[in-house]
Amino acid sequence: MEAIINIAVNNWPMFLRGAVATLQISILSTILGTGLGLIIGIIRTIPQPDRGFKRILLKIINGLMSVYIEVFRGTPMIVQAMIIYYGVAQAYGIDMNRTFAAILIVTINTGAYMSEIVRGGILSIDKGQYEAAQSVGMTHFQTMMNVILPQVIRNILPATGNEFVINIKDTSVLNVISVTELFFATKSVAGVNYMYMETFIVAAMIYLVMTFSVTRILRLIERRMDGPANYILTGNQMQVLEPEDQIRKSEKRGK
């Protein structure tokens, strides 16, 4: 235990830089990947016309999106990182910034998973809501923005949070392109002191703190989005019942 504390105290700047880089990459990539997933999910749920050029165009777009989803869901992120960073540099002579490459890799990987999560969330909404929106003259885009997506975002929030937690852990594979995230920093510290077990225990504790904190924050956001559990409708307004009001209301019902 003393060795673990000494490693943490003596190398905290390195661990801190790695943890900050991990959070920056995972937060930005999750936001961008979720946005990408929302766009793809909306496009893939556009009703296809019976005939015409629009039907052919939608089929082509859906086919390309299906290939993208299957490829990035069916291959490991570490292989994707090697192809995107080293492969593109070798084939096209493009020397990408490592941090930019890391964000790009995690974003497109997250987008592939989030697109299926979003599509499932959209399909879970009752079809009657689509019909009601169409009956008042809403287009597909207006229906999505005003009726469907607000419900979908709440429904997919737990899955989005889970994807965020996965991204925090999966950034460790980015050490293959020398991104100085937490795993890379930990490996560097262990290479200096040759105390691999103690050093990686420190890293495991940091990862645990980050993922646990993110999970708690997302649970709080979910509860806020759910709103109060007890309320009554007064005209067109919602009135929250305090505990004392709930007791009095129960007594009145009893009478």
Protein backbone atom coordinates (compact mmCIF):
# COMPACT_ATOMS: atom_id res chain seq x y z
CA MET A 1 0.00 0.00 0.00
CA GLU A 2 2.85 2.37 0.82
CA ALA A 3 4.39 1.77 -2.61
CA ILE A 4 1.08 2.65 -4.32
CA ILE A 5 0.79 5.89 -2.35
CA ASN A 6 4.41 6.81 -3.13
CA ILE A 7 3.89 6.21 -6.86
CA ALA A 8 0.73 8.34 -6.84
CA VAL A 9 2.40 11.17 -4.90
CA ASN A 10 5.64 11.20 -6.87
CA ASN A 11 4.02 10.94 -10.31
CA TRP A 12 0.73 12.78 -9.87
CA PRO A 13 1.46 15.38 -12.61
CA MET A 14 1.85 12.59 -15.18
CA PHE A 15 -1.31 10.81 -13.99
CA LEU A 16 -3.23 14.11 -13.98
CA ARG A 17 -2.22 14.98 -17.55
CA GLY A 18 -3.22 11.52 -18.70
CA ALA A 19 -6.58 11.66 -16.89
CA VAL A 20 -7.35 15.12 -18.31
CA ALA A 21 -6.49 13.96 -21.84
CA THR A 22 -8.70 10.88 -21.39
CA LEU A 23 -11.66 12.99 -20.24
CA GLN A 24 -11.19 15.56 -23.01
CA ILE A 25 -11.11 12.91 -25.73
CA SER A 26 -14.00 10.88 -24.31
CA ILE A 27 -16.28 13.88 -23.61
CA LEU A 28 -15.77 15.53 -27.00
CA SER A 29 -15.96 12.24 -28.90
CA THR A 30 -19.15 11.18 -27.09
CA ILE A 31 -20.84 14.50 -27.88
CA LEU A 32 -19.79 14.42 -31.54
CA GLY A 33 -20.54 10.70 -31.88
CA THR A 34 -24.00 11.15 -30.36
CA GLY A 35 -24.71 13.99 -32.80
CA LEU A 36 -23.55 11.80 -35.68
CA GLY A 37 -25.71 8.95 -34.40
CA LEU A 38 -28.76 11.22 -34.18
CA ILE A 39 -28.32 12.37 -37.78
CA ILE A 40 -27.88 8.82 -39.08
CA GLY A 41 -30.76 7.53 -36.94
CA ILE A 42 -33.12 10.20 -38.29
CA ILE A 43 -32.09 9.58 -41.91
CA ARG A 44 -32.50 5.81 -41.57
CA THR A 45 -36.07 6.23 -40.28
CA ILE A 46 -37.25 8.49 -43.13
CA PRO A 47 -40.26 6.80 -44.75
CA GLN A 48 -39.36 5.58 -48.23
CA PRO A 49 -41.66 6.57 -51.08
CA ASP A 50 -43.13 3.82 -53.26
CA ARG A 51 -41.18 4.83 -56.38
CA GLY A 52 -39.06 7.51 -57.95
CA PHE A 53 -35.60 9.01 -57.63
CA LYS A 54 -36.03 9.79 -53.91
CA ARG A 55 -36.58 6.10 -53.13
CA ILE A 56 -33.41 5.12 -55.03
CA LEU A 57 -31.41 7.87 -53.31
CA LEU A 58 -32.62 6.84 -49.85
CA LYS A 59 -31.75 3.20 -50.56
CA ILE A 60 -28.21 4.16 -51.59
CA ILE A 61 -27.74 6.38 -48.53
CA ASN A 62 -29.13 3.71 -46.21
CA GLY A 63 -26.86 1.12 -47.81
CA LEU A 64 -23.75 3.28 -47.27
CA MET A 65 -24.78 3.96 -43.67
CA SER A 66 -25.33 0.24 -43.05
CA VAL A 67 -21.82 -0.49 -44.35
CA TYR A 68 -20.36 2.21 -42.07
CA ILE A 69 -22.22 0.86 -39.03
CA GLU A 70 -21.29 -2.77 -39.66
CA VAL A 71 -17.63 -1.99 -40.33
CA PHE A 72 -17.07 0.16 -37.24
CA ARG A 73 -19.14 -2.05 -34.96
CA GLY A 74 -17.53 -5.21 -36.29
CA THR A 75 -13.86 -4.24 -35.99
CA PRO A 76 -11.80 -3.40 -32.88
CA MET A 77 -11.05 0.25 -32.18
CA ILE A 78 -7.34 -0.52 -31.92
CA VAL A 79 -7.34 -1.76 -35.53
CA GLN A 80 -9.33 1.30 -36.64
CA ALA A 81 -6.76 3.53 -34.93
CA MET A 82 -3.87 1.87 -36.75
CA ILE A 83 -5.60 2.16 -40.13
CA ILE A 84 -6.80 5.75 -39.70
CA TYR A 85 -3.58 7.16 -38.26
CA TYR A 86 -0.74 5.10 -39.75
CA GLY A 87 -2.55 3.72 -42.81
CA VAL A 88 -3.81 7.09 -44.05
CA ALA A 89 -0.37 8.64 -43.47
CA GLN A 90 1.31 5.88 -45.47
CA ALA A 91 -1.25 5.77 -48.30
CA TYR A 92 -2.01 9.47 -48.74
CA GLY A 93 0.83 11.23 -46.93
CA ILE A 94 -1.55 12.89 -44.44
CA ASP A 95 0.18 13.53 -41.12
CA MET A 96 -2.67 13.99 -38.66
CA ASN A 97 -2.34 15.53 -35.23
CA ARG A 98 -2.49 12.68 -32.72
CA THR A 99 -5.18 14.29 -30.57
CA PHE A 100 -7.31 15.08 -33.63
CA ALA A 101 -6.87 11.50 -34.83
CA ALA A 102 -7.87 10.17 -31.41
CA ILE A 103 -11.06 12.26 -31.33
CA LEU A 104 -11.87 11.26 -34.92
CA ILE A 105 -11.41 7.55 -34.19
CA VAL A 106 -13.53 7.53 -31.04
CA THR A 107 -16.18 9.77 -32.65
CA ILE A 108 -16.82 7.61 -35.69
CA ASN A 109 -16.76 4.48 -33.52
CA THR A 110 -19.27 6.03 -31.11
CA GLY A 111 -21.42 7.27 -34.00
CA ALA A 112 -21.79 3.71 -35.33
CA TYR A 113 -23.10 2.44 -31.99
CA MET A 114 -25.21 5.51 -31.22
CA SER A 115 -26.93 5.40 -34.61
CA GLU A 116 -28.39 2.00 -33.77
CA ILE A 117 -29.32 3.15 -30.27
CA VAL A 118 -31.08 6.22 -31.73
CA ARG A 119 -32.82 4.15 -34.40
CA GLY A 120 -34.12 1.78 -31.75
CA GLY A 121 -35.27 4.73 -29.64
CA ILE A 122 -37.15 6.25 -32.59
CA LEU A 123 -38.82 2.96 -33.49
CA SER A 124 -39.92 2.50 -29.87
CA ILE A 125 -42.14 5.62 -30.04
CA ASP A 126 -45.79 4.83 -30.64
CA LYS A 127 -46.80 5.19 -34.31
CA GLY A 128 -49.89 7.11 -33.27
CA GLN A 129 -47.67 10.09 -32.46
CA TYR A 130 -46.35 10.14 -36.04
CA GLU A 131 -49.89 9.98 -37.39
CA ALA A 132 -51.04 12.78 -35.07
CA ALA A 133 -48.14 15.00 -36.17
CA GLN A 134 -48.84 14.32 -39.83
CA SER A 135 -52.54 15.07 -39.34
CA VAL A 136 -51.68 18.65 -38.30
CA GLY A 137 -49.41 19.12 -41.32
CA MET A 138 -45.96 18.43 -39.84
CA THR A 139 -43.18 17.20 -42.10
CA HIS A 140 -40.95 14.28 -41.10
CA PHE A 141 -38.25 16.69 -39.94
CA GLN A 142 -40.72 18.77 -37.88
CA THR A 143 -42.17 15.61 -36.35
CA MET A 144 -38.71 14.44 -35.36
CA MET A 145 -37.58 17.76 -33.88
CA ASN A 146 -40.79 18.68 -32.01
CA VAL A 147 -42.39 15.36 -31.08
CA ILE A 148 -40.11 12.33 -31.38
CA LEU A 149 -36.55 13.40 -30.51
CA PRO A 150 -37.39 14.97 -27.10
CA GLN A 151 -38.74 11.58 -26.05
CA VAL A 152 -35.95 9.63 -27.74
CA ILE A 153 -33.21 11.65 -26.03
CA ARG A 154 -34.67 10.84 -22.61
CA ASN A 155 -35.11 7.18 -23.50
CA ILE A 156 -31.56 6.72 -24.81
CA LEU A 157 -29.87 8.70 -22.03
CA PRO A 158 -28.86 5.56 -20.05
CA ALA A 159 -27.39 3.97 -23.19
CA THR A 160 -25.60 7.22 -24.03
CA GLY A 161 -24.13 7.33 -20.53
CA ASN A 162 -23.01 3.73 -20.90
CA GLU A 163 -21.31 4.63 -24.20
CA PHE A 164 -19.56 7.53 -22.45
CA VAL A 165 -18.24 5.20 -19.76
CA ILE A 166 -17.05 2.76 -22.43
CA ASN A 167 -15.25 5.59 -24.23
CA ILE A 168 -13.40 6.57 -21.05
CA LYS A 169 -12.04 3.04 -20.81
CA ASP A 170 -11.53 2.48 -24.54
CA THR A 171 -9.30 5.54 -24.92
CA SER A 172 -6.59 3.26 -23.52
CA VAL A 173 -6.23 1.65 -26.97
CA LEU A 174 -5.13 5.03 -28.36
CA ASN A 175 -1.70 4.48 -26.83
CA VAL A 176 -0.88 2.59 -30.05
CA ILE A 177 -0.75 5.96 -31.84
CA SER A 178 1.15 7.53 -28.91
CA VAL A 179 -1.69 9.66 -27.56
CA THR A 180 -0.70 10.69 -24.02
CA GLU A 181 -3.91 9.55 -22.33
CA LEU A 182 -4.03 7.85 -18.93
CA PHE A 183 -2.91 4.39 -20.05
CA PHE A 184 0.04 5.83 -21.99
CA ALA A 185 1.05 7.95 -18.98
CA THR A 186 0.76 4.94 -16.67
CA LYS A 187 2.88 2.80 -18.97
CA SER A 188 5.52 5.55 -19.02
CA VAL A 189 5.58 5.73 -15.20
CA ALA A 190 5.80 1.95 -14.91
CA GLY A 191 8.66 1.89 -17.41
CA VAL A 192 10.65 4.19 -15.13
CA ASN A 193 10.06 2.58 -11.73
CA TYR A 194 9.55 -1.05 -12.91
CA MET A 195 6.66 -1.40 -10.43
CA TYR A 196 3.95 -2.43 -12.87
CA MET A 197 1.38 -3.81 -10.48
CA GLU A 198 1.42 -0.83 -8.10
CA THR A 199 1.46 1.70 -10.96
CA PHE A 200 -1.47 0.15 -12.78
CA ILE A 201 -3.44 -0.12 -9.53
CA VAL A 202 -3.17 3.68 -9.34
CA ALA A 203 -4.44 3.92 -12.93
CA ALA A 204 -7.30 1.52 -12.18
CA MET A 205 -8.37 3.67 -9.23
CA ILE A 206 -8.33 6.81 -11.40
CA TYR A 207 -10.40 5.09 -14.10
CA LEU A 208 -12.86 3.91 -11.42
CA VAL A 209 -13.24 7.42 -9.99
CA MET A 210 -13.89 8.87 -13.45
CA THR A 211 -16.44 6.26 -14.50
CA PHE A 212 -18.22 6.28 -11.13
CA SER A 213 -18.46 10.09 -11.17
CA VAL A 214 -19.85 10.10 -14.71
CA THR A 215 -22.42 7.46 -13.80
CA ARG A 216 -23.62 9.43 -10.76
CA ILE A 217 -23.87 12.67 -12.76
CA LEU A 218 -25.91 10.97 -15.48
CA ARG A 219 -28.27 9.46 -12.88
CA LEU A 220 -28.85 12.96 -11.53
CA ILE A 221 -29.57 14.27 -15.04
CA GLU A 222 -32.04 11.43 -15.61
CA ARG A 223 -33.92 12.28 -12.41
CA ARG A 224 -34.03 15.96 -13.38
CA MET A 225 -35.41 15.09 -16.81
CA ASP A 226 -38.05 12.83 -15.29
CA GLY A 227 -39.41 15.75 -13.26
CA PRO A 228 -41.30 15.45 -9.93
CA ALA A 229 -42.87 12.11 -9.11
CA ASN A 230 -45.98 13.60 -7.47
CA TYR A 231 -48.08 16.30 -9.09
CA ILE A 232 -51.65 17.28 -9.95
CA LEU A 233 -52.90 19.16 -12.98
CA THR A 234 -54.54 22.51 -12.23
CA GLY A 235 -55.97 23.91 -15.45
CA ASN A 236 -53.08 23.96 -17.89
CA GLN A 237 -50.39 24.07 -15.19
CA MET A 238 -48.63 21.38 -13.22
CA GLN A 239 -48.56 21.76 -9.44
CA VAL A 240 -46.00 19.76 -7.46
CA LEU A 241 -47.33 18.20 -4.28
CA GLU A 242 -45.28 18.66 -1.13
CA PRO A 243 -45.30 15.77 1.39
CA GLU A 244 -47.80 17.60 3.65
CA ASP A 245 -50.13 18.19 0.68
CA GLN A 246 -49.94 14.50 -0.23
CA ILE A 247 -51.01 13.54 3.31
CA ARG A 248 -53.95 15.96 3.30
CA LYS A 249 -55.02 14.77 -0.15
CA SER A 250 -54.96 11.14 1.04
CA GLU A 251 -57.06 12.05 4.11
CA LYS A 252 -59.65 13.77 1.92
CA ARG A 253 -59.89 10.70 -0.30
CA GLY A 254 -60.35 8.57 2.81
CA LYS A 255 -63.31 10.68 3.89
